[in-house]
Each structure stands twice: as structure tokens, then as C-alpha cells.
């Protein structure tokens, strides 16, 4: 179960890294991409939640989403 949680963390961090790289290259991430990334994060959390009760991932990922939306 720890590996499922860890893979979920890696997946959501990769989404964030992609968004950060896009922001550096374009100076702003397109709104459509932000919304798609948010949906991908939510799907990753949903998958992890099916297999483990270990917490922390959703709070961390949601923090990214809140920060991203505050920059819109």
C-alpha cells in the first residue's frame, strides 16, 4: 500500500512539474491546462484512495491546486 501512495505522490508531482515548466517557458500556463491538470490530480487521488487509507496526499495536492487557482 505504501507503493501505491508513493506512486500517487510521484504522479501528482510530475503533473505539477509539467505545469511549472510550462509556466517558465510560456510565462503563463493556459487556463485549459490548469483545469486539465486539476482533473488529473483529482483522478490520481481517487485511484490512491481506493487502495490505501494513508493520508496527506490529497491535502498536499489540493494545496497545489489552490495555489494554481489563486494565480489565475
Foldseek 3Di string as FASTA:
>chain_A
DVVLVVVLLVVLVVLVVVLVVCCVVVVHRDPVSLVVSLVVNVVSVVVSVVPDPDDDSVVVSVVSNVVNVVVD
